[in-house]
Amino acid sequence: MEALLGREFTYINAHGEVCDRCQYLDRYCSGNGPRFLKQEMEIVRIIARDHAVAVLLDCREEIEFAGEQSNSLQRALYIFRKQADRWLWCEGQATELRSPVV
């Protein structure tokens, strides 16, 4: 995941918490963060421009964190930028569409 994230990467989760690249990797990609039990994504729309792509999608997630399980439905917007010969994820934002069930 580290290779996919651009240096200026920023992510805003469904609770409004902002993470930079290092914080995102620590929170979501290490053993300290939530454990995704199930994640289903449905692409709503893709908008492509010269060196950028925006992907709007709906995410259904089952997560375990700190011994608690929750289910949620979120709308996410991910923006990718082409750098040299590869695409880097530079921005992400999620908004909860349905309250989690614990």
PDB file of N, CA and C in Angstrom:
ATOM      1  N   MET A   1       0.831  -1.189   0.000  1.00  0.00           N
ATOM      2  CA  MET A   1       0.000   0.000   0.000  1.00  0.00           C
ATOM      3  C   MET A   1       0.876   1.254   0.000  1.00  0.00           C
ATOM      4  N   GLU A   2       1.990   1.178   0.689  1.00  0.00           N
ATOM      5  CA  GLU A   2       2.882   2.338   0.789  1.00  0.00           C
ATOM      6  C   GLU A   2       3.305   2.840  -0.587  1.00  0.00           C
ATOM      7  N   ALA A   3       3.558   1.926  -1.520  1.00  0.00           N
ATOM      8  CA  ALA A   3       3.987   2.316  -2.864  1.00  0.00           C
ATOM      9  C   ALA A   3       2.872   2.971  -3.661  1.00  0.00           C
ATOM     10  N   LEU A   4       1.623   2.721  -3.309  1.00  0.00           N
ATOM     11  CA  LEU A   4       0.470   3.280  -4.022  1.00  0.00           C
ATOM     12  C   LEU A   4       0.164   4.711  -3.609  1.00  0.00           C
ATOM     13  N   LEU A   5       0.518   5.083  -2.378  1.00  0.00           N
ATOM     14  CA  LEU A   5       0.164   6.405  -1.860  1.00  0.00           C
ATOM     15  C   LEU A   5       1.173   7.465  -2.279  1.00  0.00           C
ATOM     16  N   GLY A   6       0.672   8.572  -2.823  1.00  0.00           N
ATOM     17  CA  GLY A   6       1.520   9.702  -3.158  1.00  0.00           C
ATOM     18  C   GLY A   6       2.069  10.359  -1.898  1.00  0.00           C
ATOM     19  N   ARG A   7       3.144  11.108  -2.027  1.00  0.00           N
ATOM     20  CA  ARG A   7       3.766  11.762  -0.868  1.00  0.00           C
ATOM     21  C   ARG A   7       2.831  12.754  -0.195  1.00  0.00           C
ATOM     22  N   GLU A   8       1.971  13.407  -0.988  1.00  0.00           N
ATOM     23  CA  GLU A   8       1.053  14.418  -0.448  1.00  0.00           C
ATOM     24  C   GLU A   8      -0.300  13.825  -0.062  1.00  0.00           C
ATOM     25  N   PHE A   9      -0.407  12.499  -0.008  1.00  0.00           N
ATOM     26  CA  PHE A   9      -1.667  11.804   0.261  1.00  0.00           C
ATOM     27  C   PHE A   9      -2.370  12.340   1.510  1.00  0.00           C
ATOM     28  N   THR A  10      -3.688  12.536   1.395  1.00  0.00           N
ATOM     29  CA  THR A  10      -4.542  12.937   2.510  1.00  0.00           C
ATOM     30  C   THR A  10      -5.814  12.092   2.453  1.00  0.00           C
ATOM     31  N   TYR A  11      -6.275  11.647   3.611  1.00  0.00           N
ATOM     32  CA  TYR A  11      -7.500  10.866   3.682  1.00  0.00           C
ATOM     33  C   TYR A  11      -8.377  11.415   4.802  1.00  0.00           C
ATOM     34  N   ILE A  12      -9.659  11.555   4.523  1.00  0.00           N
ATOM     35  CA  ILE A  12     -10.634  11.982   5.527  1.00  0.00           C
ATOM     36  C   ILE A  12     -11.636  10.835   5.678  1.00  0.00           C
ATOM     37  N   ASN A  13     -11.691  10.240   6.872  1.00  0.00           N
ATOM     38  CA  ASN A  13     -12.591   9.102   7.046  1.00  0.00           C
ATOM     39  C   ASN A  13     -14.017   9.573   7.320  1.00  0.00           C
ATOM     40  N   ALA A  14     -14.925   8.615   7.479  1.00  0.00           N
ATOM     41  CA  ALA A  14     -16.347   8.924   7.650  1.00  0.00           C
ATOM     42  C   ALA A  14     -16.653   9.645   8.960  1.00  0.00           C
ATOM     43  N   HIS A  15     -15.699   9.678   9.885  1.00  0.00           N
ATOM     44  CA  HIS A  15     -15.875  10.407  11.141  1.00  0.00           C
ATOM     45  C   HIS A  15     -15.257  11.798  11.077  1.00  0.00           C
ATOM     46  N   GLY A  16     -14.737  12.178   9.902  1.00  0.00           N
ATOM     47  CA  GLY A  16     -14.151  13.500   9.726  1.00  0.00           C
ATOM     48  C   GLY A  16     -12.711  13.614  10.173  1.00  0.00           C
ATOM     49  N   GLU A  17     -12.085  12.498  10.536  1.00  0.00           N
ATOM     50  CA  GLU A  17     -10.690  12.512  10.964  1.00  0.00           C
ATOM     51  C   GLU A  17      -9.779  12.551   9.745  1.00  0.00           C
ATOM     52  N   VAL A  18      -8.814  13.461   9.761  1.00  0.00           N
ATOM     53  CA  VAL A  18      -7.899  13.652   8.634  1.00  0.00           C
ATOM     54  C   VAL A  18      -6.594  12.918   8.915  1.00  0.00           C
ATOM     55  N   CYS A  19      -6.129  12.159   7.928  1.00  0.00           N
ATOM     56  CA  CYS A  19      -4.868  11.424   8.040  1.00  0.00           C
ATOM     57  C   CYS A  19      -3.947  11.819   6.901  1.00  0.00           C
ATOM     58  N   ASP A  20      -2.685  12.067   7.217  1.00  0.00           N
ATOM     59  CA  ASP A  20      -1.704  12.220   6.154  1.00  0.00           C
ATOM     60  C   ASP A  20      -1.204  10.818   5.779  1.00  0.00           C
ATOM     61  N   ARG A  21      -0.249  10.736   4.920  1.00  0.00           N
ATOM     62  CA  ARG A  21       0.256   9.456   4.414  1.00  0.00           C
ATOM     63  C   ARG A  21       0.722   8.542   5.549  1.00  0.00           C
ATOM     64  N   CYS A  22       1.567   9.048   6.427  1.00  0.00           N
ATOM     65  CA  CYS A  22       2.104   8.235   7.534  1.00  0.00           C
ATOM     66  C   CYS A  22       1.004   7.785   8.483  1.00  0.00           C
ATOM     67  N   GLN A  23       0.093   8.684   8.811  1.00  0.00           N
ATOM     68  CA  GLN A  23      -1.001   8.348   9.719  1.00  0.00           C
ATOM     69  C   GLN A  23      -1.921   7.292   9.102  1.00  0.00           C
ATOM     70  N   TYR A  24      -2.193   7.418   7.795  1.00  0.00           N
ATOM     71  CA  TYR A  24      -3.049   6.446   7.112  1.00  0.00           C
ATOM     72  C   TYR A  24      -2.418   5.059   7.154  1.00  0.00           C
ATOM     73  N   LEU A  25      -1.128   4.977   6.819  1.00  0.00           N
ATOM     74  CA  LEU A  25      -0.440   3.687   6.825  1.00  0.00           C
ATOM     75  C   LEU A  25      -0.457   3.069   8.222  1.00  0.00           C
ATOM     76  N   ASP A  26      -0.224   3.875   9.246  1.00  0.00           N
ATOM     77  CA  ASP A  26      -0.221   3.369  10.615  1.00  0.00           C
ATOM     78  C   ASP A  26      -1.612   2.923  11.046  1.00  0.00           C
ATOM     79  N   ARG A  27      -2.611   3.727  10.713  1.00  0.00           N
ATOM     80  CA  ARG A  27      -3.964   3.449  11.194  1.00  0.00           C
ATOM     81  C   ARG A  27      -4.658   2.326  10.438  1.00  0.00           C
ATOM     82  N   TYR A  28      -4.516   2.289   9.106  1.00  0.00           N
ATOM     83  CA  TYR A  28      -5.290   1.349   8.302  1.00  0.00           C
ATOM     84  C   TYR A  28      -4.491   0.182   7.729  1.00  0.00           C
ATOM     85  N   CYS A  29      -3.180   0.238   7.801  1.00  0.00           N
ATOM     86  CA  CYS A  29      -2.374  -0.798   7.152  1.00  0.00           C
ATOM     87  C   CYS A  29      -1.449  -1.534   8.113  1.00  0.00           C
ATOM     88  N   SER A  30      -1.540  -1.241   9.387  1.00  0.00           N
ATOM     89  CA  SER A  30      -0.714  -1.939  10.377  1.00  0.00           C
ATOM     90  C   SER A  30      -1.615  -2.813  11.237  1.00  0.00           C
ATOM     91  N   GLY A  31      -1.026  -3.578  12.107  1.00  0.00           N
ATOM     92  CA  GLY A  31      -1.794  -4.426  13.009  1.00  0.00           C
ATOM     93  C   GLY A  31      -2.536  -3.643  14.078  1.00  0.00           C
ATOM     94  N   ASN A  32      -2.285  -2.328  14.186  1.00  0.00           N
ATOM     95  CA  ASN A  32      -2.929  -1.499  15.207  1.00  0.00           C
ATOM     96  C   ASN A  32      -4.316  -1.026  14.816  1.00  0.00           C
ATOM     97  N   GLY A  33      -4.614  -1.032  13.532  1.00  0.00           N
ATOM     98  CA  GLY A  33      -5.855  -0.439  13.044  1.00  0.00           C
ATOM     99  C   GLY A  33      -7.001  -1.414  12.975  1.00  0.00           C
ATOM    100  N   PRO A  34      -8.066  -1.015  12.308  1.00  0.00           N
ATOM    101  CA  PRO A  34      -9.231  -1.883  12.170  1.00  0.00           C
ATOM    102  C   PRO A  34      -8.900  -3.104  11.316  1.00  0.00           C
ATOM    103  N   ARG A  35      -9.615  -4.178  11.561  1.00  0.00           N
ATOM    104  CA  ARG A  35      -9.461  -5.390  10.754  1.00  0.00           C
ATOM    105  C   ARG A  35     -10.719  -5.507   9.903  1.00  0.00           C
ATOM    106  N   PHE A  36     -10.528  -5.481   8.590  1.00  0.00           N
ATOM    107  CA  PHE A  36     -11.654  -5.557   7.669  1.00  0.00           C
ATOM    108  C   PHE A  36     -12.060  -7.022   7.512  1.00  0.00           C
ATOM    109  N   LEU A  37     -13.270  -7.331   7.960  1.00  0.00           N
ATOM    110  CA  LEU A  37     -13.783  -8.690   7.857  1.00  0.00           C
ATOM    111  C   LEU A  37     -14.396  -8.931   6.485  1.00  0.00           C
ATOM    112  N   LYS A  38     -14.991  -7.877   5.929  1.00  0.00           N
ATOM    113  CA  LYS A  38     -15.621  -7.961   4.611  1.00  0.00           C
ATOM    114  C   LYS A  38     -15.707  -6.561   4.045  1.00  0.00           C
ATOM    115  N   GLN A  39     -15.433  -6.426   2.759  1.00  0.00           N
ATOM    116  CA  GLN A  39     -15.550  -5.124   2.109  1.00  0.00           C
ATOM    117  C   GLN A  39     -16.009  -5.356   0.670  1.00  0.00           C
ATOM    118  N   GLU A  40     -17.138  -4.756   0.333  1.00  0.00           N
ATOM    119  CA  GLU A  40     -17.684  -4.836  -1.021  1.00  0.00           C
ATOM    120  C   GLU A  40     -17.759  -3.420  -1.577  1.00  0.00           C
ATOM    121  N   MET A  41     -17.292  -3.247  -2.791  1.00  0.00           N
ATOM    122  CA  MET A  41     -17.306  -1.922  -3.414  1.00  0.00           C
ATOM    123  C   MET A  41     -18.071  -1.971  -4.730  1.00  0.00           C
ATOM    124  N   GLU A  42     -18.849  -0.931  -4.947  1.00  0.00           N
ATOM    125  CA  GLU A  42     -19.576  -0.771  -6.208  1.00  0.00           C
ATOM    126  C   GLU A  42     -19.208   0.594  -6.772  1.00  0.00           C
ATOM    127  N   ILE A  43     -18.658   0.599  -7.968  1.00  0.00           N
ATOM    128  CA  ILE A  43     -18.270   1.860  -8.598  1.00  0.00           C
ATOM    129  C   ILE A  43     -19.523   2.591  -9.062  1.00  0.00           C
ATOM    130  N   VAL A  44     -19.653   3.834  -8.628  1.00  0.00           N
ATOM    131  CA  VAL A  44     -20.786   4.679  -9.003  1.00  0.00           C
ATOM    132  C   VAL A  44     -20.439   5.476 -10.252  1.00  0.00           C
ATOM    133  N   ARG A  45     -19.230   6.022 -10.287  1.00  0.00           N
ATOM    134  CA  ARG A  45     -18.823   6.848 -11.422  1.00  0.00           C
ATOM    135  C   ARG A  45     -17.305   6.983 -11.463  1.00  0.00           C
ATOM    136  N   ILE A  46     -16.760   7.057 -12.668  1.00  0.00           N
ATOM    137  CA  ILE A  46     -15.336   7.324 -12.879  1.00  0.00           C
ATOM    138  C   ILE A  46     -15.224   8.534 -13.791  1.00  0.00           C
ATOM    139  N   ILE A  47     -14.448   9.510 -13.365  1.00  0.00           N
ATOM    140  CA  ILE A  47     -14.208  10.702 -14.178  1.00  0.00           C
ATOM    141  C   ILE A  47     -12.715  10.777 -14.450  1.00  0.00           C
ATOM    142  N   ALA A  48     -12.344  10.700 -15.718  1.00  0.00           N
ATOM    143  CA  ALA A  48     -10.928  10.711 -16.089  1.00  0.00           C
ATOM    144  C   ALA A  48     -10.586  11.998 -16.831  1.00  0.00           C
ATOM    145  N   ARG A  49      -9.486  12.596 -16.442  1.00  0.00           N
ATOM    146  CA  ARG A  49      -8.920  13.761 -17.113  1.00  0.00           C
ATOM    147  C   ARG A  49      -7.472  13.430 -17.413  1.00  0.00           C
ATOM    148  N   ASP A  50      -6.787  14.301 -18.110  1.00  0.00           N
ATOM    149  CA  ASP A  50      -5.423  14.042 -18.580  1.00  0.00           C
ATOM    150  C   ASP A  50      -4.572  13.193 -17.635  1.00  0.00           C
ATOM    151  N   HIS A  51      -4.243  13.725 -16.490  1.00  0.00           N
ATOM    152  CA  HIS A  51      -3.348  13.024 -15.576  1.00  0.00           C
ATOM    153  C   HIS A  51      -3.988  12.779 -14.217  1.00  0.00           C
ATOM    154  N   ALA A  52      -5.330  12.728 -14.187  1.00  0.00           N
ATOM    155  CA  ALA A  52      -6.032  12.478 -12.928  1.00  0.00           C
ATOM    156  C   ALA A  52      -7.300  11.669 -13.188  1.00  0.00           C
ATOM    157  N   VAL A  53      -7.669  10.854 -12.208  1.00  0.00           N
ATOM    158  CA  VAL A  53      -8.894  10.062 -12.273  1.00  0.00           C
ATOM    159  C   VAL A  53      -9.574  10.164 -10.913  1.00  0.00           C
ATOM    160  N   ALA A  54     -10.877  10.459 -10.930  1.00  0.00           N
ATOM    161  CA  ALA A  54     -11.685  10.463  -9.716  1.00  0.00           C
ATOM    162  C   ALA A  54     -12.614   9.258  -9.774  1.00  0.00           C
ATOM    163  N   VAL A  55     -12.655   8.501  -8.693  1.00  0.00           N
ATOM    164  CA  VAL A  55     -13.501   7.311  -8.615  1.00  0.00           C
ATOM    165  C   VAL A  55     -14.466   7.496  -7.447  1.00  0.00           C
ATOM    166  N   LEU A  56     -15.760   7.470  -7.754  1.00  0.00           N
ATOM    167  CA  LEU A  56     -16.808   7.573  -6.744  1.00  0.00           C
ATOM    168  C   LEU A  56     -17.372   6.171  -6.562  1.00  0.00           C
ATOM    169  N   LEU A  57     -17.404   5.685  -5.323  1.00  0.00           N
ATOM    170  CA  LEU A  57     -17.892   4.331  -5.096  1.00  0.00           C
ATOM    171  C   LEU A  57     -18.610   4.196  -3.765  1.00  0.00           C
ATOM    172  N   ASP A  58     -19.450   3.179  -3.693  1.00  0.00           N
ATOM    173  CA  ASP A  58     -20.131   2.836  -2.451  1.00  0.00           C
ATOM    174  C   ASP A  58     -19.417   1.632  -1.842  1.00  0.00           C
ATOM    175  N   CYS A  59     -19.157   1.696  -0.536  1.00  0.00           N
ATOM    176  CA  CYS A  59     -18.430   0.642   0.178  1.00  0.00           C
ATOM    177  C   CYS A  59     -19.302   0.084   1.298  1.00  0.00           C
ATOM    178  N   ARG A  60     -19.504  -1.211   1.279  1.00  0.00           N
ATOM    179  CA  ARG A  60     -20.160  -1.897   2.397  1.00  0.00           C
ATOM    180  C   ARG A  60     -19.042  -2.608   3.156  1.00  0.00           C
ATOM    181  N   GLU A  61     -18.932  -2.302   4.445  1.00  0.00           N
ATOM    182  CA  GLU A  61     -17.817  -2.828   5.219  1.00  0.00           C
ATOM    183  C   GLU A  61     -18.283  -3.477   6.512  1.00  0.00           C
ATOM    184  N   GLU A  62     -17.627  -4.568   6.849  1.00  0.00           N
ATOM    185  CA  GLU A  62     -17.742  -5.177   8.169  1.00  0.00           C
ATOM    186  C   GLU A  62     -16.349  -5.068   8.771  1.00  0.00           C
ATOM    187  N   ILE A  63     -16.263  -4.407   9.929  1.00  0.00           N
ATOM    188  CA  ILE A  63     -14.975  -4.096  10.536  1.00  0.00           C
ATOM    189  C   ILE A  63     -14.967  -4.551  11.994  1.00  0.00           C
ATOM    190  N   GLU A  64     -13.798  -5.002  12.434  1.00  0.00           N
ATOM    191  CA  GLU A  64     -13.575  -5.275  13.841  1.00  0.00           C
ATOM    192  C   GLU A  64     -12.470  -4.340  14.322  1.00  0.00           C
ATOM    193  N   PHE A  65     -12.747  -3.616  15.404  1.00  0.00           N
ATOM    194  CA  PHE A  65     -11.756  -2.697  15.969  1.00  0.00           C
ATOM    195  C   PHE A  65     -11.915  -2.671  17.479  1.00  0.00           C
ATOM    196  N   ALA A  66     -10.838  -2.894  18.177  1.00  0.00           N
ATOM    197  CA  ALA A  66     -10.832  -2.897  19.650  1.00  0.00           C
ATOM    198  C   ALA A  66     -11.887  -3.853  20.208  1.00  0.00           C
ATOM    199  N   GLY A  67     -12.020  -5.033  19.567  1.00  0.00           N
ATOM    200  CA  GLY A  67     -12.955  -6.042  20.051  1.00  0.00           C
ATOM    201  C   GLY A  67     -14.402  -5.829  19.670  1.00  0.00           C
ATOM    202  N   GLU A  68     -14.716  -4.735  19.011  1.00  0.00           N
ATOM    203  CA  GLU A  68     -16.093  -4.423  18.592  1.00  0.00           C
ATOM    204  C   GLU A  68     -16.233  -4.627  17.085  1.00  0.00           C
ATOM    205  N   GLN A  69     -17.378  -5.136  16.659  1.00  0.00           N
ATOM    206  CA  GLN A  69     -17.664  -5.286  15.239  1.00  0.00           C
ATOM    207  C   GLN A  69     -18.705  -4.259  14.822  1.00  0.00           C
ATOM    208  N   SER A  70     -18.567  -3.750  13.601  1.00  0.00           N
ATOM    209  CA  SER A  70     -19.564  -2.820  13.076  1.00  0.00           C
ATOM    210  C   SER A  70     -19.725  -3.025  11.574  1.00  0.00           C
ATOM    211  N   ASN A  71     -20.892  -2.638  11.090  1.00  0.00           N
ATOM    212  CA  ASN A  71     -21.213  -2.670   9.665  1.00  0.00           C
ATOM    213  C   ASN A  71     -21.559  -1.258   9.249  1.00  0.00           C
ATOM    214  N   SER A  72     -21.115  -0.857   8.059  1.00  0.00           N
ATOM    215  CA  SER A  72     -21.473   0.476   7.587  1.00  0.00           C
ATOM    216  C   SER A  72     -21.552   0.496   6.069  1.00  0.00           C
ATOM    217  N   LEU A  73     -22.238   1.483   5.574  1.00  0.00           N
ATOM    218  CA  LEU A  73     -22.308   1.769   4.146  1.00  0.00           C
ATOM    219  C   LEU A  73     -21.768   3.172   3.966  1.00  0.00           C
ATOM    220  N   GLN A  74     -20.759   3.315   3.132  1.00  0.00           N
ATOM    221  CA  GLN A  74     -20.109   4.607   2.928  1.00  0.00           C
ATOM    222  C   GLN A  74     -20.011   4.938   1.450  1.00  0.00           C
ATOM    223  N   ARG A  75     -20.042   6.221   1.150  1.00  0.00           N
ATOM    224  CA  ARG A  75     -19.755   6.717  -0.198  1.00  0.00           C
ATOM    225  C   ARG A  75     -18.336   7.260  -0.131  1.00  0.00           C
ATOM    226  N   ALA A  76     -17.485   6.823  -1.040  1.00  0.00           N
ATOM    227  CA  ALA A  76     -16.075   7.230  -1.023  1.00  0.00           C
ATOM    228  C   ALA A  76     -15.705   7.890  -2.343  1.00  0.00           C
ATOM    229  N   LEU A  77     -14.797   8.833  -2.252  1.00  0.00           N
ATOM    230  CA  LEU A  77     -14.234   9.499  -3.423  1.00  0.00           C
ATOM    231  C   LEU A  77     -12.724   9.343  -3.343  1.00  0.00           C
ATOM    232  N   TYR A  78     -12.146   8.711  -4.345  1.00  0.00           N
ATOM    233  CA  TYR A  78     -10.698   8.513  -4.404  1.00  0.00           C
ATOM    234  C   TYR A  78     -10.180   9.233  -5.640  1.00  0.00           C
ATOM    235  N   ILE A  79      -9.084   9.945  -5.492  1.00  0.00           N
ATOM    236  CA  ILE A  79      -8.469  10.655  -6.612  1.00  0.00           C
ATOM    237  C   ILE A  79      -7.064  10.112  -6.822  1.00  0.00           C
ATOM    238  N   PHE A  80      -6.792   9.732  -8.051  1.00  0.00           N
ATOM    239  CA  PHE A  80      -5.490   9.193  -8.441  1.00  0.00           C
ATOM    240  C   PHE A  80      -4.841  10.141  -9.432  1.00  0.00           C
ATOM    241  N   ARG A  81      -3.528  10.270  -9.352  1.00  0.00           N
ATOM    242  CA  ARG A  81      -2.768  11.152 -10.242  1.00  0.00           C
ATOM    243  C   ARG A  81      -1.666  10.327 -10.909  1.00  0.00           C
ATOM    244  N   LYS A  82      -1.505  10.536 -12.202  1.00  0.00           N
ATOM    245  CA  LYS A  82      -0.462   9.821 -12.916  1.00  0.00           C
ATOM    246  C   LYS A  82       0.869  10.535 -12.703  1.00  0.00           C
ATOM    247  N   GLN A  83       1.859   9.762 -12.287  1.00  0.00           N
ATOM    248  CA  GLN A  83       3.202  10.291 -12.084  1.00  0.00           C
ATOM    249  C   GLN A  83       4.158   9.345 -12.786  1.00  0.00           C
ATOM    250  N   ALA A  84       4.867   9.880 -13.765  1.00  0.00           N
ATOM    251  CA  ALA A  84       5.747   9.070 -14.610  1.00  0.00           C
ATOM    252  C   ALA A  84       4.913   7.968 -15.262  1.00  0.00           C
ATOM    253  N   ASP A  85       5.216   6.715 -14.986  1.00  0.00           N
ATOM    254  CA  ASP A  85       4.507   5.617 -15.646  1.00  0.00           C
ATOM    255  C   ASP A  85       3.538   4.873 -14.728  1.00  0.00           C
ATOM    256  N   ARG A  86       3.162   5.491 -13.589  1.00  0.00           N
ATOM    257  CA  ARG A  86       2.234   4.808 -12.692  1.00  0.00           C
ATOM    258  C   ARG A  86       1.234   5.782 -12.080  1.00  0.00           C
ATOM    259  N   TRP A  87       0.158   5.223 -11.538  1.00  0.00           N
ATOM    260  CA  TRP A  87      -0.888   5.999 -10.896  1.00  0.00           C
ATOM    261  C   TRP A  87      -0.688   5.953  -9.384  1.00  0.00           C
ATOM    262  N   LEU A  88      -0.783   7.122  -8.735  1.00  0.00           N
ATOM    263  CA  LEU A  88      -0.665   7.221  -7.290  1.00  0.00           C
ATOM    264  C   LEU A  88      -1.973   7.724  -6.700  1.00  0.00           C
ATOM    265  N   TRP A  89      -2.356   7.163  -5.572  1.00  0.00           N
ATOM    266  CA  TRP A  89      -3.547   7.600  -4.860  1.00  0.00           C
ATOM    267  C   TRP A  89      -3.152   8.844  -4.075  1.00  0.00           C
ATOM    268  N   CYS A  90      -3.768   9.996  -4.376  1.00  0.00           N
ATOM    269  CA  CYS A  90      -3.356  11.242  -3.718  1.00  0.00           C
ATOM    270  C   CYS A  90      -4.401  11.793  -2.747  1.00  0.00           C
ATOM    271  N   GLU A  91      -5.672  11.458  -2.905  1.00  0.00           N
ATOM    272  CA  GLU A  91      -6.721  11.951  -1.998  1.00  0.00           C
ATOM    273  C   GLU A  91      -7.781  10.878  -1.819  1.00  0.00           C
ATOM    274  N   GLY A  92      -8.370  10.841  -0.639  1.00  0.00           N
ATOM    275  CA  GLY A  92      -9.481   9.946  -0.371  1.00  0.00           C
ATOM    276  C   GLY A  92     -10.395  10.566   0.668  1.00  0.00           C
ATOM    277  N   GLN A  93     -11.685  10.313   0.532  1.00  0.00           N
ATOM    278  CA  GLN A  93     -12.661  10.837   1.488  1.00  0.00           C
ATOM    279  C   GLN A  93     -13.834   9.874   1.518  1.00  0.00           C
ATOM    280  N   ALA A  94     -14.327   9.570   2.722  1.00  0.00           N
ATOM    281  CA  ALA A  94     -15.477   8.684   2.876  1.00  0.00           C
ATOM    282  C   ALA A  94     -16.545   9.377   3.704  1.00  0.00           C
ATOM    283  N   THR A  95     -17.805   9.156   3.335  1.00  0.00           N
ATOM    284  CA  THR A  95     -18.947   9.713   4.064  1.00  0.00           C
ATOM    285  C   THR A  95     -19.901   8.573   4.350  1.00  0.00           C
ATOM    286  N   GLU A  96     -20.318   8.464   5.589  1.00  0.00           N
ATOM    287  CA  GLU A  96     -21.208   7.392   5.973  1.00  0.00           C
ATOM    288  C   GLU A  96     -22.608   7.644   5.417  1.00  0.00           C
ATOM    289  N   LEU A  97     -23.171   6.622   4.791  1.00  0.00           N
ATOM    290  CA  LEU A  97     -24.530   6.709   4.249  1.00  0.00           C
ATOM    291  C   LEU A  97     -25.529   6.051   5.182  1.00  0.00           C
ATOM    292  N   ARG A  98     -25.049   5.153   6.005  1.00  0.00           N
ATOM    293  CA  ARG A  98     -25.922   4.446   6.956  1.00  0.00           C
ATOM    294  C   ARG A  98     -25.139   4.280   8.247  1.00  0.00           C
ATOM    295  N   SER A  99     -25.780   4.560   9.360  1.00  0.00           N
ATOM    296  CA  SER A  99     -25.110   4.439  10.670  1.00  0.00           C
ATOM    297  C   SER A  99     -24.623   3.029  10.877  1.00  0.00           C
ATOM    298  N   PRO A 100     -23.466   2.874  11.534  1.00  0.00           N
ATOM    299  CA  PRO A 100     -22.960   1.526  11.800  1.00  0.00           C
ATOM    300  C   PRO A 100     -23.846   0.780  12.782  1.00  0.00           C
ATOM    301  N   VAL A 101     -23.867  -0.521  12.624  1.00  0.00           N
ATOM    302  CA  VAL A 101     -24.595  -1.387  13.536  1.00  0.00           C
ATOM    303  C   VAL A 101     -23.554  -2.131  14.337  1.00  0.00           C
ATOM    304  N   VAL A 102     -23.578  -1.951  15.653  1.00  0.00           N
ATOM    305  CA  VAL A 102     -22.584  -2.593  16.521  1.00  0.00           C
ATOM    306  C   VAL A 102     -23.197  -3.753  17.260  1.00  0.00           C
TER     307      VAL A 102
END
